[in-house]
Amino acid sequence: MTTIIRAATIADAERLSRFAATTFRETFADENSPDDMARYLSEAFTAERQAAEIMDPMGAVLLAERREGAGGADLLGYVH
């Protein structure tokens, strides 16, 4: 098992949007109304928005992944 940190690419946008929405919900759901949470998640964590943030030359999006063997990678975290 290897953990790596790498720059996100446009191909990561969909997976990142799901991961980011999940972690945001888990962290802040108790402090917000369900309606406010749903509205924010639907605006802030779309694949299109994540793709735009990944491609923004003034920003950086890094992913932390765990890789096991020749299979895929599990997303552990991200920073923007």
C-alpha atoms as a PDB file:
ATOM      1  CA  MET A   1       0.000   0.000   0.000  1.00  0.00           C
ATOM      2  CA  THR A   2       1.325   3.414  -1.001  1.00  0.00           C
ATOM      3  CA  THR A   3      -0.012   6.876  -0.191  1.00  0.00           C
ATOM      4  CA  ILE A   4       0.653   9.588  -2.747  1.00  0.00           C
ATOM      5  CA  ILE A   5      -0.171  13.264  -3.106  1.00  0.00           C
ATOM      6  CA  ARG A   6      -0.701  14.543  -6.622  1.00  0.00           C
ATOM      7  CA  ALA A   7      -2.239  17.409  -8.526  1.00  0.00           C
ATOM      8  CA  ALA A   8      -5.861  16.827  -9.493  1.00  0.00           C
ATOM      9  CA  THR A   9      -6.726  16.613 -13.178  1.00  0.00           C
ATOM     10  CA  ILE A  10      -9.960  17.292 -14.996  1.00  0.00           C
ATOM     11  CA  ALA A  11     -10.582  13.526 -14.968  1.00  0.00           C
ATOM     12  CA  ASP A  12     -10.834  13.711 -11.150  1.00  0.00           C
ATOM     13  CA  ALA A  13     -13.682  16.260 -11.088  1.00  0.00           C
ATOM     14  CA  GLU A  14     -16.588  13.828 -10.712  1.00  0.00           C
ATOM     15  CA  ARG A  15     -14.924  11.702  -8.041  1.00  0.00           C
ATOM     16  CA  LEU A  16     -13.724  14.796  -6.188  1.00  0.00           C
ATOM     17  CA  SER A  17     -17.199  16.356  -6.229  1.00  0.00           C
ATOM     18  CA  ARG A  18     -18.696  13.263  -4.569  1.00  0.00           C
ATOM     19  CA  PHE A  19     -15.891  13.008  -2.010  1.00  0.00           C
ATOM     20  CA  ALA A  20     -15.941  16.713  -1.150  1.00  0.00           C
ATOM     21  CA  ALA A  21     -19.726  16.777  -0.757  1.00  0.00           C
ATOM     22  CA  THR A  22     -19.621  13.745   1.523  1.00  0.00           C
ATOM     23  CA  THR A  23     -16.889  15.115   3.759  1.00  0.00           C
ATOM     24  CA  PHE A  24     -18.534  18.552   3.927  1.00  0.00           C
ATOM     25  CA  ARG A  25     -21.880  16.984   4.861  1.00  0.00           C
ATOM     26  CA  GLU A  26     -20.285  14.779   7.525  1.00  0.00           C
ATOM     27  CA  THR A  27     -18.462  17.770   9.020  1.00  0.00           C
ATOM     28  CA  PHE A  28     -21.140  20.479   8.933  1.00  0.00           C
ATOM     29  CA  ALA A  29     -24.594  18.848   8.712  1.00  0.00           C
ATOM     30  CA  ASP A  30     -25.290  19.227  12.435  1.00  0.00           C
ATOM     31  CA  GLU A  31     -24.654  22.972  12.247  1.00  0.00           C
ATOM     32  CA  ASN A  32     -26.961  23.664   9.284  1.00  0.00           C
ATOM     33  CA  SER A  33     -30.564  23.099   8.322  1.00  0.00           C
ATOM     34  CA  PRO A  34     -31.199  20.278   5.854  1.00  0.00           C
ATOM     35  CA  ASP A  35     -32.446  22.802   3.271  1.00  0.00           C
ATOM     36  CA  ASP A  36     -29.373  25.028   3.601  1.00  0.00           C
ATOM     37  CA  MET A  37     -27.084  22.004   3.419  1.00  0.00           C
ATOM     38  CA  ALA A  38     -28.792  20.617   0.320  1.00  0.00           C
ATOM     39  CA  ARG A  39     -28.696  23.988  -1.412  1.00  0.00           C
ATOM     40  CA  TYR A  40     -25.018  24.557  -0.673  1.00  0.00           C
ATOM     41  CA  LEU A  41     -23.980  21.045  -1.678  1.00  0.00           C
ATOM     42  CA  SER A  42     -25.864  21.302  -4.973  1.00  0.00           C
ATOM     43  CA  GLU A  43     -24.044  24.552  -5.794  1.00  0.00           C
ATOM     44  CA  ALA A  44     -20.549  24.071  -4.378  1.00  0.00           C
ATOM     45  CA  PHE A  45     -19.772  20.458  -5.185  1.00  0.00           C
ATOM     46  CA  THR A  46     -20.868  19.832  -8.752  1.00  0.00           C
ATOM     47  CA  ALA A  47     -18.453  18.110 -11.104  1.00  0.00           C
ATOM     48  CA  GLU A  48     -18.509  21.232 -13.277  1.00  0.00           C
ATOM     49  CA  ARG A  49     -17.500  23.463 -10.368  1.00  0.00           C
ATOM     50  CA  GLN A  50     -14.760  21.069  -9.299  1.00  0.00           C
ATOM     51  CA  ALA A  51     -13.464  20.946 -12.884  1.00  0.00           C
ATOM     52  CA  ALA A  52     -13.355  24.757 -13.024  1.00  0.00           C
ATOM     53  CA  GLU A  53     -11.461  24.899  -9.727  1.00  0.00           C
ATOM     54  CA  ILE A  54      -9.007  22.232 -10.902  1.00  0.00           C
ATOM     55  CA  MET A  55      -8.351  24.156 -14.111  1.00  0.00           C
ATOM     56  CA  ASP A  56      -8.073  27.592 -12.464  1.00  0.00           C
ATOM     57  CA  PRO A  57      -4.455  28.745 -13.021  1.00  0.00           C
ATOM     58  CA  MET A  58      -4.638  30.853  -9.834  1.00  0.00           C
ATOM     59  CA  GLY A  59      -5.421  27.847  -7.619  1.00  0.00           C
ATOM     60  CA  ALA A  60      -4.217  24.373  -6.837  1.00  0.00           C
ATOM     61  CA  VAL A  61      -6.129  21.214  -6.006  1.00  0.00           C
ATOM     62  CA  LEU A  62      -4.137  18.317  -4.581  1.00  0.00           C
ATOM     63  CA  LEU A  63      -5.389  14.812  -3.890  1.00  0.00           C
ATOM     64  CA  ALA A  64      -4.140  12.306  -1.329  1.00  0.00           C
ATOM     65  CA  GLU A  65      -4.663   8.732  -2.520  1.00  0.00           C
ATOM     66  CA  ARG A  66      -3.911   5.263  -1.270  1.00  0.00           C
ATOM     67  CA  ARG A  67      -2.909   2.758  -3.933  1.00  0.00           C
ATOM     68  CA  GLU A  68      -2.789  -0.975  -3.482  1.00  0.00           C
ATOM     69  CA  GLY A  69      -1.095  -3.026  -6.175  1.00  0.00           C
ATOM     70  CA  ALA A  70      -2.138  -2.519  -9.777  1.00  0.00           C
ATOM     71  CA  GLY A  71      -5.737  -1.614  -8.871  1.00  0.00           C
ATOM     72  CA  GLY A  72      -7.301   1.789  -8.537  1.00  0.00           C
ATOM     73  CA  ALA A  73      -6.714   4.390  -5.865  1.00  0.00           C
ATOM     74  CA  ASP A  74      -8.836   5.300  -2.861  1.00  0.00           C
ATOM     75  CA  LEU A  75      -9.229   9.021  -2.321  1.00  0.00           C
ATOM     76  CA  LEU A  76      -8.179   9.854   1.248  1.00  0.00           C
ATOM     77  CA  GLY A  77      -8.402  13.644   1.164  1.00  0.00           C
ATOM     78  CA  TYR A  78      -7.869  16.814  -0.820  1.00  0.00           C
ATOM     79  CA  VAL A  79      -6.759  20.398  -0.421  1.00  0.00           C
ATOM     80  CA  HIS A  80      -7.775  23.398  -2.482  1.00  0.00           C
END
